[in-house]
N, C-alpha and C. Protein backbone atom coordinates (compact mmCIF):
# COMPACT_ATOMS: atom_id res chain seq x y z
N MET A 1 10.77 -75.44 6.02
CA MET A 1 11.87 -74.52 5.70
C MET A 1 13.21 -75.19 6.02
N ASP A 2 14.12 -75.23 5.07
CA ASP A 2 15.42 -75.83 5.35
C ASP A 2 16.31 -74.83 6.08
N ILE A 3 17.42 -75.32 6.63
CA ILE A 3 18.29 -74.51 7.47
C ILE A 3 18.89 -73.34 6.71
N ARG A 4 19.23 -73.55 5.41
CA ARG A 4 19.81 -72.47 4.63
C ARG A 4 18.83 -71.32 4.42
N THR A 5 17.60 -71.67 4.11
CA THR A 5 16.57 -70.64 3.94
C THR A 5 16.31 -69.92 5.25
N PHE A 6 16.26 -70.69 6.33
CA PHE A 6 16.06 -70.11 7.66
C PHE A 6 17.16 -69.09 7.97
N LYS A 7 18.42 -69.48 7.77
CA LYS A 7 19.53 -68.58 8.08
C LYS A 7 19.51 -67.34 7.18
N ASP A 8 19.24 -67.54 5.92
CA ASP A 8 19.21 -66.41 5.00
C ASP A 8 18.16 -65.38 5.43
N LYS A 9 16.99 -65.87 5.83
CA LYS A 9 15.93 -64.96 6.24
C LYS A 9 16.27 -64.26 7.56
N ILE A 10 16.79 -65.02 8.51
CA ILE A 10 17.14 -64.44 9.81
C ILE A 10 18.19 -63.34 9.65
N TYR A 11 19.28 -63.66 8.93
CA TYR A 11 20.36 -62.69 8.79
C TYR A 11 19.94 -61.49 7.94
N SER A 12 19.02 -61.72 7.02
CA SER A 12 18.51 -60.60 6.24
C SER A 12 17.72 -59.64 7.11
N GLU A 13 16.92 -60.19 8.02
CA GLU A 13 16.16 -59.33 8.94
C GLU A 13 17.08 -58.58 9.89
N LEU A 14 18.11 -59.26 10.40
CA LEU A 14 19.07 -58.59 11.27
C LEU A 14 19.80 -57.48 10.52
N ALA A 15 20.16 -57.77 9.28
CA ALA A 15 20.88 -56.77 8.47
C ALA A 15 20.02 -55.53 8.23
N SER A 16 18.71 -55.71 8.14
CA SER A 16 17.83 -54.55 7.91
C SER A 16 17.87 -53.60 9.11
N ILE A 17 18.06 -54.15 10.31
CA ILE A 17 18.17 -53.32 11.50
C ILE A 17 19.48 -52.56 11.50
N SER A 18 20.58 -53.27 11.22
CA SER A 18 21.88 -52.61 11.20
C SER A 18 21.95 -51.57 10.08
N LYS A 19 21.27 -51.85 8.97
CA LYS A 19 21.24 -50.89 7.87
C LYS A 19 20.51 -49.62 8.28
N ALA A 20 19.41 -49.78 9.02
CA ALA A 20 18.66 -48.61 9.48
C ALA A 20 19.50 -47.76 10.43
N MET A 21 20.34 -48.39 11.24
CA MET A 21 21.18 -47.65 12.18
C MET A 21 22.48 -47.16 11.54
N GLY A 22 22.79 -47.69 10.35
CA GLY A 22 24.07 -47.40 9.73
C GLY A 22 24.11 -46.09 8.98
N ASN A 23 23.77 -45.02 9.66
CA ASN A 23 23.77 -43.69 9.07
C ASN A 23 24.10 -42.69 10.18
N PRO A 24 25.04 -41.78 9.97
CA PRO A 24 25.43 -40.87 11.06
C PRO A 24 24.29 -40.01 11.58
N ASN A 25 23.42 -39.54 10.68
CA ASN A 25 22.29 -38.73 11.14
C ASN A 25 21.32 -39.53 11.99
N ARG A 26 21.09 -40.78 11.60
CA ARG A 26 20.16 -41.60 12.38
C ARG A 26 20.76 -41.99 13.72
N LEU A 27 22.07 -42.18 13.76
CA LEU A 27 22.73 -42.46 15.05
C LEU A 27 22.58 -41.27 15.99
N GLU A 28 22.71 -40.06 15.46
CA GLU A 28 22.54 -38.87 16.29
C GLU A 28 21.10 -38.74 16.76
N ILE A 29 20.15 -39.06 15.89
CA ILE A 29 18.74 -38.99 16.27
C ILE A 29 18.44 -39.99 17.39
N ILE A 30 19.01 -41.19 17.29
CA ILE A 30 18.79 -42.18 18.35
C ILE A 30 19.34 -41.68 19.68
N GLU A 31 20.52 -41.06 19.66
CA GLU A 31 21.07 -40.50 20.90
C GLU A 31 20.13 -39.44 21.47
N LEU A 32 19.55 -38.62 20.61
CA LEU A 32 18.64 -37.58 21.06
C LEU A 32 17.35 -38.18 21.62
N LEU A 33 16.81 -39.19 20.96
CA LEU A 33 15.59 -39.83 21.44
C LEU A 33 15.82 -40.59 22.74
N ALA A 34 17.06 -40.97 23.01
CA ALA A 34 17.38 -41.64 24.28
C ALA A 34 17.19 -40.70 25.47
N GLN A 35 17.18 -39.39 25.21
CA GLN A 35 16.95 -38.43 26.29
C GLN A 35 15.46 -38.34 26.64
N GLY A 36 14.60 -38.68 25.68
CA GLY A 36 13.16 -38.61 25.88
C GLY A 36 12.45 -38.37 24.56
N PRO A 37 11.13 -38.41 24.53
CA PRO A 37 10.38 -38.20 23.29
C PRO A 37 10.67 -36.83 22.68
N CYS A 38 10.75 -36.79 21.35
CA CYS A 38 11.07 -35.54 20.64
C CYS A 38 10.14 -35.35 19.46
N SER A 39 9.80 -34.11 19.18
CA SER A 39 9.09 -33.79 17.96
C SER A 39 10.09 -33.64 16.82
N VAL A 40 9.59 -33.66 15.59
CA VAL A 40 10.46 -33.44 14.44
C VAL A 40 11.13 -32.07 14.56
N GLU A 41 10.37 -31.08 15.00
CA GLU A 41 10.90 -29.72 15.12
C GLU A 41 12.06 -29.67 16.13
N TYR A 42 11.93 -30.41 17.22
CA TYR A 42 13.00 -30.43 18.23
C TYR A 42 14.24 -31.12 17.67
N ILE A 43 14.04 -32.20 16.94
CA ILE A 43 15.16 -32.91 16.33
C ILE A 43 15.87 -32.00 15.33
N VAL A 44 15.11 -31.28 14.54
CA VAL A 44 15.70 -30.35 13.57
C VAL A 44 16.55 -29.30 14.27
N SER A 45 16.03 -28.73 15.36
CA SER A 45 16.75 -27.65 16.05
C SER A 45 18.00 -28.14 16.76
N ASN A 46 18.10 -29.44 17.02
CA ASN A 46 19.25 -29.98 17.73
C ASN A 46 20.23 -30.75 16.86
N THR A 47 19.88 -30.94 15.60
CA THR A 47 20.78 -31.69 14.71
C THR A 47 21.22 -30.91 13.48
N GLY A 48 20.52 -29.84 13.17
CA GLY A 48 20.84 -29.08 11.96
C GLY A 48 20.27 -29.68 10.70
N LEU A 49 19.50 -30.76 10.81
CA LEU A 49 18.86 -31.35 9.64
C LEU A 49 17.67 -30.51 9.20
N SER A 50 17.30 -30.64 7.95
CA SER A 50 16.07 -30.01 7.49
C SER A 50 14.88 -30.85 7.97
N VAL A 51 13.70 -30.26 7.95
CA VAL A 51 12.50 -31.00 8.35
C VAL A 51 12.32 -32.22 7.46
N ALA A 52 12.55 -32.06 6.17
CA ALA A 52 12.36 -33.18 5.24
C ALA A 52 13.35 -34.31 5.52
N ASN A 53 14.61 -33.97 5.76
CA ASN A 53 15.61 -35.01 6.03
C ASN A 53 15.35 -35.70 7.36
N ALA A 54 15.03 -34.91 8.38
CA ALA A 54 14.75 -35.51 9.69
C ALA A 54 13.56 -36.45 9.60
N SER A 55 12.53 -36.04 8.90
CA SER A 55 11.33 -36.88 8.75
C SER A 55 11.65 -38.17 8.02
N GLN A 56 12.49 -38.07 6.99
CA GLN A 56 12.86 -39.26 6.22
C GLN A 56 13.65 -40.24 7.08
N HIS A 57 14.59 -39.72 7.86
CA HIS A 57 15.37 -40.60 8.75
C HIS A 57 14.47 -41.24 9.81
N LEU A 58 13.53 -40.49 10.34
CA LEU A 58 12.62 -41.04 11.34
C LEU A 58 11.75 -42.13 10.74
N GLN A 59 11.31 -41.95 9.53
CA GLN A 59 10.49 -42.98 8.89
C GLN A 59 11.29 -44.26 8.65
N THR A 60 12.57 -44.11 8.32
CA THR A 60 13.42 -45.29 8.16
C THR A 60 13.55 -46.03 9.48
N LEU A 61 13.78 -45.30 10.55
CA LEU A 61 13.89 -45.93 11.87
C LEU A 61 12.56 -46.54 12.30
N LYS A 62 11.48 -45.88 11.97
CA LYS A 62 10.16 -46.40 12.33
C LYS A 62 9.84 -47.66 11.55
N SER A 63 10.19 -47.68 10.26
CA SER A 63 9.93 -48.85 9.42
C SER A 63 10.70 -50.08 9.92
N SER A 64 11.84 -49.85 10.55
CA SER A 64 12.64 -50.94 11.11
C SER A 64 12.25 -51.25 12.55
N ARG A 65 11.19 -50.63 13.02
CA ARG A 65 10.64 -50.85 14.36
C ARG A 65 11.62 -50.45 15.47
N LEU A 66 12.46 -49.49 15.17
CA LEU A 66 13.38 -48.97 16.18
C LEU A 66 12.81 -47.75 16.89
N VAL A 67 11.81 -47.14 16.27
CA VAL A 67 11.21 -45.91 16.77
C VAL A 67 9.69 -46.01 16.66
N THR A 68 9.00 -45.42 17.61
CA THR A 68 7.55 -45.31 17.56
C THR A 68 7.16 -43.83 17.57
N SER A 69 5.90 -43.55 17.27
CA SER A 69 5.46 -42.15 17.29
C SER A 69 4.05 -42.06 17.83
N ARG A 70 3.72 -40.86 18.31
CA ARG A 70 2.36 -40.58 18.76
C ARG A 70 2.04 -39.13 18.43
N LYS A 71 0.77 -38.83 18.24
CA LYS A 71 0.33 -37.48 17.89
C LYS A 71 -0.20 -36.79 19.14
N GLU A 72 0.27 -35.55 19.37
CA GLU A 72 -0.24 -34.72 20.45
C GLU A 72 -0.56 -33.36 19.87
N GLY A 73 -1.84 -33.06 19.71
CA GLY A 73 -2.22 -31.82 19.08
C GLY A 73 -1.74 -31.79 17.64
N LYS A 74 -1.04 -30.72 17.28
CA LYS A 74 -0.52 -30.62 15.91
C LYS A 74 0.89 -31.18 15.75
N TYR A 75 1.45 -31.71 16.85
CA TYR A 75 2.81 -32.24 16.81
C TYR A 75 2.83 -33.75 16.91
N ARG A 76 3.81 -34.36 16.26
CA ARG A 76 4.04 -35.78 16.37
C ARG A 76 5.35 -35.99 17.12
N PHE A 77 5.29 -36.82 18.17
CA PHE A 77 6.46 -37.08 18.99
C PHE A 77 6.98 -38.49 18.73
N TYR A 78 8.30 -38.59 18.65
CA TYR A 78 8.96 -39.86 18.39
C TYR A 78 9.72 -40.32 19.62
N SER A 79 9.73 -41.64 19.82
CA SER A 79 10.43 -42.26 20.95
C SER A 79 11.14 -43.52 20.48
N LEU A 80 12.16 -43.94 21.23
CA LEU A 80 12.77 -45.23 20.95
C LEU A 80 11.73 -46.32 21.23
N ALA A 81 11.73 -47.35 20.42
CA ALA A 81 10.74 -48.42 20.57
C ALA A 81 10.84 -49.09 21.94
N ASN A 82 12.03 -49.27 22.42
CA ASN A 82 12.26 -49.85 23.76
C ASN A 82 13.71 -49.62 24.13
N GLN A 83 14.06 -50.03 25.34
CA GLN A 83 15.41 -49.78 25.85
C GLN A 83 16.47 -50.57 25.10
N ASN A 84 16.07 -51.66 24.44
CA ASN A 84 17.04 -52.44 23.66
C ASN A 84 17.68 -51.62 22.55
N VAL A 85 16.93 -50.68 22.00
CA VAL A 85 17.48 -49.84 20.93
C VAL A 85 18.66 -49.04 21.45
N TYR A 86 18.49 -48.46 22.64
CA TYR A 86 19.60 -47.70 23.22
C TYR A 86 20.76 -48.62 23.59
N ARG A 87 20.45 -49.81 24.06
CA ARG A 87 21.54 -50.73 24.43
C ARG A 87 22.40 -51.07 23.22
N VAL A 88 21.75 -51.30 22.07
CA VAL A 88 22.50 -51.59 20.85
C VAL A 88 23.32 -50.37 20.44
N TRP A 89 22.70 -49.18 20.49
CA TRP A 89 23.41 -47.94 20.14
C TRP A 89 24.62 -47.76 21.05
N SER A 90 24.43 -47.96 22.35
CA SER A 90 25.51 -47.81 23.30
C SER A 90 26.63 -48.83 23.05
N ALA A 91 26.25 -50.06 22.71
CA ALA A 91 27.25 -51.09 22.41
C ALA A 91 28.05 -50.72 21.16
N MET A 92 27.37 -50.13 20.15
CA MET A 92 28.07 -49.67 18.96
C MET A 92 29.06 -48.56 19.31
N ARG A 93 28.64 -47.66 20.18
CA ARG A 93 29.52 -46.56 20.61
C ARG A 93 30.77 -47.10 21.30
N GLU A 94 30.56 -48.03 22.22
CA GLU A 94 31.71 -48.60 22.94
C GLU A 94 32.61 -49.41 22.02
N LEU A 95 32.01 -50.12 21.07
CA LEU A 95 32.80 -50.88 20.09
C LEU A 95 33.63 -49.92 19.25
N GLY A 96 33.01 -48.83 18.83
CA GLY A 96 33.73 -47.85 18.03
C GLY A 96 34.89 -47.24 18.79
N ILE A 97 34.67 -46.90 20.06
CA ILE A 97 35.73 -46.30 20.87
C ILE A 97 36.89 -47.26 21.06
N SER A 98 36.57 -48.54 21.26
CA SER A 98 37.62 -49.52 21.55
C SER A 98 38.34 -50.02 20.30
N GLN A 99 37.63 -50.06 19.15
CA GLN A 99 38.21 -50.68 17.96
C GLN A 99 38.60 -49.71 16.86
N ASN A 100 38.09 -48.50 16.90
CA ASN A 100 38.37 -47.54 15.85
C ASN A 100 39.31 -46.47 16.39
N ALA A 101 40.56 -46.50 15.97
CA ALA A 101 41.56 -45.58 16.49
C ALA A 101 41.21 -44.13 16.19
N GLU A 102 40.55 -43.89 15.06
CA GLU A 102 40.21 -42.52 14.70
C GLU A 102 39.21 -41.92 15.68
N ILE A 103 38.25 -42.74 16.14
CA ILE A 103 37.30 -42.25 17.14
C ILE A 103 38.03 -41.87 18.42
N GLY A 104 38.93 -42.74 18.86
CA GLY A 104 39.70 -42.44 20.06
C GLY A 104 40.51 -41.18 19.92
N LYS A 105 41.12 -40.98 18.74
CA LYS A 105 41.92 -39.77 18.52
C LYS A 105 41.04 -38.53 18.50
N LEU A 106 39.89 -38.62 17.84
CA LEU A 106 38.98 -37.48 17.81
C LEU A 106 38.55 -37.08 19.22
N MET A 107 38.22 -38.06 20.04
CA MET A 107 37.79 -37.77 21.40
C MET A 107 38.93 -37.20 22.22
N SER A 108 40.14 -37.76 22.06
CA SER A 108 41.30 -37.27 22.79
C SER A 108 41.65 -35.84 22.41
N ASP A 109 41.66 -35.56 21.10
CA ASP A 109 41.95 -34.20 20.63
C ASP A 109 40.91 -33.21 21.13
N PHE A 110 39.66 -33.64 21.12
CA PHE A 110 38.58 -32.76 21.57
C PHE A 110 38.74 -32.44 23.05
N ARG A 111 39.03 -33.46 23.86
CA ARG A 111 39.19 -33.24 25.30
C ARG A 111 40.42 -32.37 25.59
N GLU A 112 41.50 -32.60 24.85
CA GLU A 112 42.70 -31.79 25.05
C GLU A 112 42.43 -30.33 24.74
N SER A 113 41.61 -30.07 23.75
CA SER A 113 41.28 -28.68 23.41
C SER A 113 40.50 -28.01 24.53
N ARG A 114 39.94 -28.81 25.43
CA ARG A 114 39.22 -28.29 26.59
C ARG A 114 40.00 -28.56 27.87
N HIS A 115 41.31 -28.66 27.72
CA HIS A 115 42.24 -28.75 28.85
C HIS A 115 42.04 -30.00 29.70
N ASN A 116 41.59 -31.08 29.07
CA ASN A 116 41.42 -32.36 29.78
C ASN A 116 40.71 -32.18 31.11
N LEU A 117 39.51 -31.68 31.06
CA LEU A 117 38.73 -31.42 32.26
C LEU A 117 38.57 -32.68 33.11
N GLU A 118 38.57 -32.48 34.41
CA GLU A 118 38.37 -33.62 35.32
C GLU A 118 36.99 -34.23 35.08
N SER A 119 36.95 -35.54 35.01
CA SER A 119 35.67 -36.22 34.83
C SER A 119 35.51 -37.30 35.89
N LEU A 120 34.26 -37.59 36.21
CA LEU A 120 33.94 -38.62 37.19
C LEU A 120 33.20 -39.76 36.51
N THR A 121 33.44 -40.98 36.96
CA THR A 121 32.63 -42.11 36.51
C THR A 121 31.33 -42.12 37.32
N THR A 122 30.38 -42.90 36.87
CA THR A 122 29.12 -42.99 37.63
C THR A 122 29.37 -43.55 39.03
N THR A 123 30.29 -44.49 39.14
CA THR A 123 30.62 -45.07 40.45
C THR A 123 31.17 -44.00 41.38
N GLN A 124 32.08 -43.17 40.86
CA GLN A 124 32.66 -42.10 41.68
C GLN A 124 31.60 -41.08 42.09
N LEU A 125 30.69 -40.77 41.16
CA LEU A 125 29.64 -39.80 41.50
C LEU A 125 28.70 -40.36 42.56
N LEU A 126 28.32 -41.61 42.44
CA LEU A 126 27.46 -42.22 43.46
C LEU A 126 28.10 -42.16 44.83
N LYS A 127 29.40 -42.41 44.89
CA LYS A 127 30.12 -42.37 46.17
C LYS A 127 30.13 -40.95 46.73
N ARG A 128 30.37 -39.97 45.87
CA ARG A 128 30.40 -38.58 46.34
C ARG A 128 29.01 -38.11 46.75
N MET A 129 27.99 -38.63 46.11
CA MET A 129 26.62 -38.27 46.49
C MET A 129 26.32 -38.72 47.92
N GLU A 130 26.94 -39.79 48.35
CA GLU A 130 26.73 -40.30 49.70
C GLU A 130 27.58 -39.58 50.74
N ASN A 131 28.80 -39.24 50.36
CA ASN A 131 29.77 -38.79 51.36
C ASN A 131 30.16 -37.32 51.28
N GLU A 132 29.81 -36.63 50.21
CA GLU A 132 30.28 -35.26 50.04
C GLU A 132 29.13 -34.32 49.70
N ASP A 133 29.38 -33.04 49.95
CA ASP A 133 28.40 -32.00 49.67
C ASP A 133 28.61 -31.51 48.25
N ILE A 134 27.86 -32.05 47.29
CA ILE A 134 28.02 -31.69 45.89
C ILE A 134 26.68 -31.27 45.29
N LEU A 135 26.76 -30.60 44.17
CA LEU A 135 25.56 -30.23 43.42
C LEU A 135 25.68 -30.84 42.03
N ILE A 136 24.66 -31.59 41.62
CA ILE A 136 24.65 -32.20 40.29
C ILE A 136 23.87 -31.29 39.37
N LEU A 137 24.50 -30.93 38.26
CA LEU A 137 23.92 -29.95 37.35
C LEU A 137 23.64 -30.58 35.99
N ASP A 138 22.37 -30.57 35.60
CA ASP A 138 21.95 -31.06 34.29
C ASP A 138 21.95 -29.88 33.33
N VAL A 139 22.84 -29.91 32.32
CA VAL A 139 22.96 -28.77 31.42
C VAL A 139 22.32 -29.03 30.05
N ARG A 140 21.54 -30.10 29.94
CA ARG A 140 20.80 -30.35 28.71
C ARG A 140 19.63 -29.36 28.61
N PRO A 141 19.03 -29.22 27.44
CA PRO A 141 17.83 -28.40 27.33
C PRO A 141 16.76 -28.86 28.33
N ARG A 142 15.96 -27.92 28.77
CA ARG A 142 15.00 -28.22 29.84
C ARG A 142 14.00 -29.31 29.47
N GLU A 143 13.65 -29.38 28.17
CA GLU A 143 12.71 -30.43 27.74
C GLU A 143 13.26 -31.82 28.05
N GLU A 144 14.56 -32.00 27.87
CA GLU A 144 15.18 -33.30 28.14
C GLU A 144 15.25 -33.57 29.63
N TYR A 145 15.55 -32.54 30.41
CA TYR A 145 15.55 -32.67 31.87
C TYR A 145 14.19 -33.13 32.37
N GLU A 146 13.14 -32.53 31.83
CA GLU A 146 11.79 -32.85 32.30
C GLU A 146 11.37 -34.26 31.89
N SER A 147 11.96 -34.80 30.82
CA SER A 147 11.67 -36.18 30.42
C SER A 147 12.31 -37.18 31.36
N GLY A 148 13.36 -36.79 32.04
CA GLY A 148 14.05 -37.65 32.98
C GLY A 148 15.42 -37.11 33.29
N HIS A 149 15.83 -37.20 34.56
CA HIS A 149 17.12 -36.66 34.97
C HIS A 149 17.64 -37.40 36.19
N ILE A 150 18.92 -37.22 36.47
CA ILE A 150 19.50 -37.81 37.68
C ILE A 150 18.79 -37.24 38.89
N ASN A 151 18.43 -38.12 39.79
CA ASN A 151 17.71 -37.70 41.00
C ASN A 151 18.52 -36.64 41.75
N THR A 152 17.85 -35.58 42.15
CA THR A 152 18.39 -34.41 42.87
C THR A 152 19.10 -33.41 41.96
N ALA A 153 19.25 -33.71 40.67
CA ALA A 153 19.97 -32.79 39.78
C ALA A 153 19.18 -31.49 39.58
N LEU A 154 19.92 -30.39 39.50
CA LEU A 154 19.35 -29.08 39.20
C LEU A 154 19.46 -28.83 37.70
N SER A 155 18.44 -28.24 37.12
CA SER A 155 18.45 -27.95 35.69
C SER A 155 18.84 -26.50 35.42
N ILE A 156 19.97 -26.32 34.73
CA ILE A 156 20.32 -25.03 34.14
C ILE A 156 20.92 -25.35 32.77
N PRO A 157 20.15 -25.19 31.70
CA PRO A 157 20.69 -25.48 30.37
C PRO A 157 21.98 -24.71 30.11
N GLN A 158 22.87 -25.33 29.37
CA GLN A 158 24.19 -24.75 29.13
C GLN A 158 24.11 -23.34 28.55
N ASN A 159 23.13 -23.09 27.69
CA ASN A 159 23.03 -21.77 27.08
C ASN A 159 22.42 -20.71 28.01
N GLU A 160 22.01 -21.13 29.22
CA GLU A 160 21.50 -20.18 30.21
C GLU A 160 22.43 -20.02 31.40
N LEU A 161 23.54 -20.74 31.37
CA LEU A 161 24.39 -20.85 32.56
C LEU A 161 24.99 -19.52 32.98
N ILE A 162 25.48 -18.74 32.03
CA ILE A 162 26.10 -17.47 32.38
C ILE A 162 25.12 -16.57 33.12
N GLN A 163 23.88 -16.51 32.63
CA GLN A 163 22.88 -15.63 33.25
C GLN A 163 22.46 -16.12 34.63
N LYS A 164 22.50 -17.44 34.86
CA LYS A 164 21.99 -17.99 36.12
C LYS A 164 23.08 -18.49 37.07
N MET A 165 24.33 -18.23 36.72
CA MET A 165 25.42 -18.78 37.50
C MET A 165 25.40 -18.30 38.95
N LYS A 166 24.95 -17.08 39.19
CA LYS A 166 24.94 -16.54 40.55
C LYS A 166 23.98 -17.29 41.47
N GLU A 167 23.07 -18.08 40.88
CA GLU A 167 22.15 -18.87 41.70
C GLU A 167 22.83 -20.11 42.29
N LEU A 168 24.01 -20.43 41.81
CA LEU A 168 24.70 -21.63 42.27
C LEU A 168 25.52 -21.35 43.52
N PRO A 169 25.55 -22.28 44.46
CA PRO A 169 26.36 -22.10 45.67
C PRO A 169 27.84 -22.17 45.35
N SER A 170 28.61 -21.28 45.95
CA SER A 170 30.06 -21.25 45.68
C SER A 170 30.84 -22.20 46.58
N ASP A 171 30.17 -22.79 47.58
CA ASP A 171 30.87 -23.65 48.54
C ASP A 171 30.66 -25.14 48.26
N LYS A 172 30.10 -25.47 47.09
CA LYS A 172 29.88 -26.87 46.75
C LYS A 172 30.61 -27.22 45.46
N GLU A 173 31.07 -28.47 45.38
CA GLU A 173 31.60 -28.96 44.12
C GLU A 173 30.42 -29.20 43.18
N ILE A 174 30.56 -28.78 41.94
CA ILE A 174 29.50 -28.94 40.95
C ILE A 174 29.92 -30.00 39.94
N VAL A 175 29.04 -30.97 39.70
CA VAL A 175 29.28 -32.01 38.70
C VAL A 175 28.23 -31.85 37.62
N ALA A 176 28.68 -31.52 36.41
CA ALA A 176 27.76 -31.30 35.29
C ALA A 176 27.67 -32.54 34.41
N TYR A 177 26.50 -32.75 33.85
CA TYR A 177 26.35 -33.86 32.89
C TYR A 177 25.42 -33.43 31.77
N CYS A 178 25.50 -34.18 30.65
CA CYS A 178 24.63 -33.89 29.51
C CYS A 178 24.16 -35.20 28.88
N ARG A 179 24.26 -35.32 27.55
CA ARG A 179 23.67 -36.48 26.86
C ARG A 179 24.58 -37.70 26.85
N GLY A 180 25.88 -37.50 26.93
CA GLY A 180 26.79 -38.63 26.86
C GLY A 180 28.17 -38.23 26.40
N PRO A 181 29.05 -39.21 26.16
CA PRO A 181 30.45 -38.93 25.82
C PRO A 181 30.64 -38.13 24.54
N PHE A 182 29.69 -38.16 23.62
CA PHE A 182 29.83 -37.42 22.38
C PHE A 182 29.19 -36.03 22.45
N CYS A 183 28.72 -35.65 23.61
CA CYS A 183 28.06 -34.36 23.82
C CYS A 183 29.03 -33.40 24.50
N ALA A 184 29.05 -32.14 24.07
CA ALA A 184 30.01 -31.17 24.60
C ALA A 184 29.40 -30.17 25.58
N MET A 185 28.10 -30.28 25.84
CA MET A 185 27.47 -29.28 26.71
C MET A 185 28.06 -29.27 28.11
N ALA A 186 28.34 -30.45 28.67
CA ALA A 186 28.91 -30.50 30.02
C ALA A 186 30.33 -29.94 30.03
N ASP A 187 31.11 -30.23 28.98
CA ASP A 187 32.47 -29.68 28.89
C ASP A 187 32.43 -28.16 28.91
N ASP A 188 31.58 -27.59 28.07
CA ASP A 188 31.49 -26.13 27.99
C ASP A 188 31.00 -25.53 29.31
N ALA A 189 30.07 -26.22 29.95
CA ALA A 189 29.55 -25.72 31.23
C ALA A 189 30.64 -25.72 32.30
N VAL A 190 31.43 -26.79 32.35
CA VAL A 190 32.51 -26.88 33.35
C VAL A 190 33.54 -25.79 33.11
N LEU A 191 33.90 -25.54 31.86
CA LEU A 191 34.85 -24.47 31.55
C LEU A 191 34.31 -23.12 32.01
N MET A 192 33.04 -22.84 31.78
CA MET A 192 32.44 -21.58 32.22
C MET A 192 32.45 -21.47 33.74
N LEU A 193 32.11 -22.56 34.40
CA LEU A 193 32.08 -22.55 35.87
C LEU A 193 33.48 -22.32 36.44
N GLN A 194 34.46 -23.01 35.90
CA GLN A 194 35.82 -22.85 36.38
C GLN A 194 36.33 -21.43 36.14
N ASP A 195 35.99 -20.86 34.99
CA ASP A 195 36.41 -19.49 34.68
C ASP A 195 35.84 -18.48 35.67
N HIS A 196 34.72 -18.86 36.32
CA HIS A 196 34.10 -17.97 37.30
C HIS A 196 34.37 -18.40 38.74
N GLY A 197 35.38 -19.24 38.92
CA GLY A 197 35.84 -19.57 40.26
C GLY A 197 35.16 -20.73 40.94
N TYR A 198 34.31 -21.46 40.23
CA TYR A 198 33.64 -22.61 40.84
C TYR A 198 34.50 -23.86 40.72
N GLN A 199 34.37 -24.75 41.70
CA GLN A 199 35.00 -26.05 41.61
C GLN A 199 34.05 -26.96 40.85
N ALA A 200 34.44 -27.36 39.66
CA ALA A 200 33.51 -28.09 38.79
C ALA A 200 34.21 -29.21 38.04
N SER A 201 33.46 -30.27 37.80
CA SER A 201 33.92 -31.39 36.99
C SER A 201 32.71 -31.93 36.23
N LYS A 202 32.95 -32.91 35.37
CA LYS A 202 31.84 -33.42 34.58
C LYS A 202 31.71 -34.93 34.75
N LEU A 203 30.52 -35.42 34.55
CA LEU A 203 30.27 -36.85 34.55
C LEU A 203 30.65 -37.38 33.18
N ASP A 204 31.41 -38.48 33.15
CA ASP A 204 31.88 -38.98 31.85
C ASP A 204 30.80 -39.75 31.09
N ALA A 205 29.65 -39.95 31.70
CA ALA A 205 28.52 -40.62 31.04
C ALA A 205 27.36 -39.63 30.93
N GLY A 206 26.38 -39.98 30.12
CA GLY A 206 25.20 -39.14 29.99
C GLY A 206 24.03 -39.70 30.75
N PHE A 207 22.92 -38.96 30.72
CA PHE A 207 21.75 -39.42 31.45
C PHE A 207 21.28 -40.80 31.00
N PRO A 208 21.21 -41.12 29.69
CA PRO A 208 20.74 -42.46 29.30
C PRO A 208 21.60 -43.58 29.88
N ASP A 209 22.92 -43.35 30.00
CA ASP A 209 23.80 -44.37 30.58
C ASP A 209 23.51 -44.54 32.08
N TRP A 210 23.29 -43.42 32.74
CA TRP A 210 22.96 -43.44 34.17
C TRP A 210 21.65 -44.22 34.39
N LYS A 211 20.66 -43.92 33.58
CA LYS A 211 19.37 -44.60 33.68
C LYS A 211 19.50 -46.08 33.38
N GLU A 212 20.24 -46.42 32.32
CA GLU A 212 20.42 -47.81 31.92
C GLU A 212 21.08 -48.62 33.03
N ALA A 213 21.96 -47.97 33.80
CA ALA A 213 22.66 -48.67 34.89
C ALA A 213 21.76 -48.88 36.11
N GLY A 214 20.56 -48.31 36.10
CA GLY A 214 19.63 -48.50 37.21
C GLY A 214 19.84 -47.56 38.38
N HIS A 215 20.56 -46.45 38.16
CA HIS A 215 20.78 -45.48 39.21
C HIS A 215 19.56 -44.58 39.38
N PRO A 216 19.44 -43.89 40.52
CA PRO A 216 18.23 -43.12 40.81
C PRO A 216 17.95 -42.01 39.79
N VAL A 217 16.72 -41.98 39.29
CA VAL A 217 16.31 -40.95 38.33
C VAL A 217 14.98 -40.35 38.78
N ALA A 218 14.66 -39.20 38.20
CA ALA A 218 13.40 -38.52 38.50
C ALA A 218 12.91 -37.89 37.21
N GLN A 219 11.63 -37.58 37.16
CA GLN A 219 11.06 -36.89 36.00
C GLN A 219 9.80 -36.16 36.42
N TYR A 220 9.38 -35.20 35.58
CA TYR A 220 8.14 -34.48 35.85
C TYR A 220 6.95 -35.27 35.34
């Protein structure tokens, strides 16, 4: 094989991976699968896609070896093929934030509409976990919490928070987190907590970022 043929084949294979990821619905699915294994039905309920569209996107990701699947009873569960898939997705996210002004503006406008809530970095949260009396609140759906969560975090899904808020201690700072910077569940949870007199802030990263950094995690 000559060098030109070699390069053409290599770059063609690489391009097939970027092509598989180059779709907004598939990018959202990858973010969801980074939380843990998901069924098609769960993906549909969290993305607004139809069953047919979600299945088609999953097959594209699977054909590119970015996603694997397994059958459990009558359901098929999908997972990221390995942690490298999330690393590439995360790098794309950071590249977009740094290089695409429209993404930065969208995020800024979104945060301003929520009164620029106080946020903590993972480093700041780790420090407070050592030195301060805080409660870490996972507001993702319970299925995602059970797949993996920040060690010591309490699970109260965002859509259950109003009903269960009285279970939370009023004398602790609460730090809420969700799927990541493009997820609004933690923002909404912090606003609800503050409206009810709690001292609350949010983690500026999601669980997959925390896990990728090697910080303490737990799962059922």
